[in-house]
Amino acid sequence: MHWLFLLLALAAMAVALKTASVALMVVCLLVSLALFVAWIMGWYAARIGSSSRDESQMIDPMELRRLREIAEARKAGLQPPVEPPAQS
């Protein structure tokens, strides 16, 4: 959807460059600027949205505590506690 804003901004810029009316040129340039800003915001939102973490992959506090206990046991030279991995 945000690519549509870019195409419309370019079309408004083309109209502004081809027109002989100063008022129409100013309006088209302002519309082009607004559409270009809308395109940048949409592109940024899509890029951030695609790189955000999947919440289902985040570690819950109980799993984090279990992993810390295993790491401390390995550091102390002991066997890690035998627990099945948590199912999410």
Protein backbone atom coordinates (compact mmCIF):
# COMPACT_ATOMS: atom_id res chain seq x y z
CA MET A 1 0.00 0.00 0.00
CA HIS A 2 2.79 2.44 0.82
CA TRP A 3 4.21 2.07 -2.71
CA LEU A 4 0.99 3.61 -3.99
CA PHE A 5 1.87 6.79 -2.09
CA LEU A 6 5.21 6.95 -3.92
CA LEU A 7 3.55 6.55 -7.30
CA LEU A 8 0.99 9.24 -6.50
CA ALA A 9 3.75 11.56 -5.25
CA LEU A 10 5.65 11.10 -8.51
CA ALA A 11 2.47 11.76 -10.51
CA ALA A 12 1.81 14.96 -8.53
CA MET A 13 5.42 16.02 -9.13
CA ALA A 14 5.01 15.41 -12.87
CA VAL A 15 1.84 17.52 -12.93
CA ALA A 16 3.64 20.28 -11.03
CA LEU A 17 6.47 20.28 -13.56
CA LYS A 18 4.16 20.32 -16.61
CA THR A 19 1.65 22.95 -15.51
CA ALA A 20 1.78 26.63 -16.41
CA SER A 21 -0.32 27.72 -13.43
CA VAL A 22 1.65 28.78 -10.36
CA ALA A 23 -1.21 28.02 -7.97
CA LEU A 24 -1.64 24.50 -9.35
CA MET A 25 2.12 23.97 -9.20
CA VAL A 26 2.24 24.95 -5.50
CA VAL A 27 -0.70 22.69 -4.68
CA CYS A 28 0.82 19.78 -6.57
CA LEU A 29 4.20 20.26 -4.88
CA LEU A 30 2.55 20.29 -1.44
CA VAL A 31 0.53 17.18 -2.29
CA SER A 32 3.67 15.51 -3.60
CA LEU A 33 5.54 16.34 -0.40
CA ALA A 34 2.71 15.00 1.77
CA LEU A 35 2.49 11.79 -0.25
CA PHE A 36 6.25 11.34 -0.13
CA VAL A 37 6.20 11.69 3.67
CA ALA A 38 3.32 9.19 3.83
CA TRP A 39 5.37 6.79 1.69
CA ILE A 40 8.40 7.12 3.97
CA MET A 41 6.28 6.50 7.07
CA GLY A 42 4.60 3.47 5.49
CA TRP A 43 7.92 2.07 4.31
CA TYR A 44 9.43 2.55 7.76
CA ALA A 45 6.44 0.91 9.47
CA ALA A 46 6.60 -2.06 7.11
CA ARG A 47 10.35 -2.44 7.62
CA ILE A 48 10.11 -2.29 11.41
CA GLY A 49 7.11 -4.63 11.41
CA SER A 50 8.95 -7.24 9.37
CA SER A 51 11.98 -7.23 11.65
CA SER A 52 10.16 -7.37 14.98
CA ARG A 53 10.47 -10.46 17.12
CA ASP A 54 7.94 -13.23 17.16
CA GLU A 55 6.40 -13.07 20.62
CA SER A 56 5.95 -16.81 20.73
CA GLN A 57 9.74 -17.24 20.64
CA MET A 58 10.37 -15.12 23.75
CA ILE A 59 11.53 -16.91 26.89
CA ASP A 60 9.18 -16.84 29.84
CA PRO A 61 10.57 -16.20 33.36
CA MET A 62 10.32 -19.86 34.44
CA GLU A 63 12.29 -21.06 31.43
CA LEU A 64 14.89 -18.33 31.98
CA ARG A 65 15.27 -19.39 35.63
CA ARG A 66 15.70 -23.03 34.56
CA LEU A 67 18.37 -22.07 32.03
CA ARG A 68 20.22 -20.02 34.66
CA GLU A 69 20.17 -22.98 37.05
CA ILE A 70 21.61 -25.22 34.35
CA ALA A 71 24.34 -22.69 33.59
CA GLU A 72 25.22 -22.32 37.28
CA ALA A 73 25.34 -26.10 37.66
CA ARG A 74 27.69 -26.40 34.69
CA LYS A 75 29.87 -23.63 36.08
CA ALA A 76 30.07 -25.44 39.44
CA GLY A 77 30.95 -28.69 37.69
CA LEU A 78 27.72 -30.44 38.64
CA GLN A 79 25.32 -32.25 36.39
CA PRO A 80 22.41 -30.11 35.22
CA PRO A 81 19.07 -30.89 36.82
CA VAL A 82 17.04 -33.33 34.80
CA GLU A 83 13.91 -31.51 33.62
CA PRO A 84 12.13 -31.84 30.33
CA PRO A 85 12.22 -28.70 28.20
CA ALA A 86 9.22 -26.47 28.61
CA GLN A 87 6.64 -26.75 25.84
CA SER A 88 5.35 -23.43 24.53
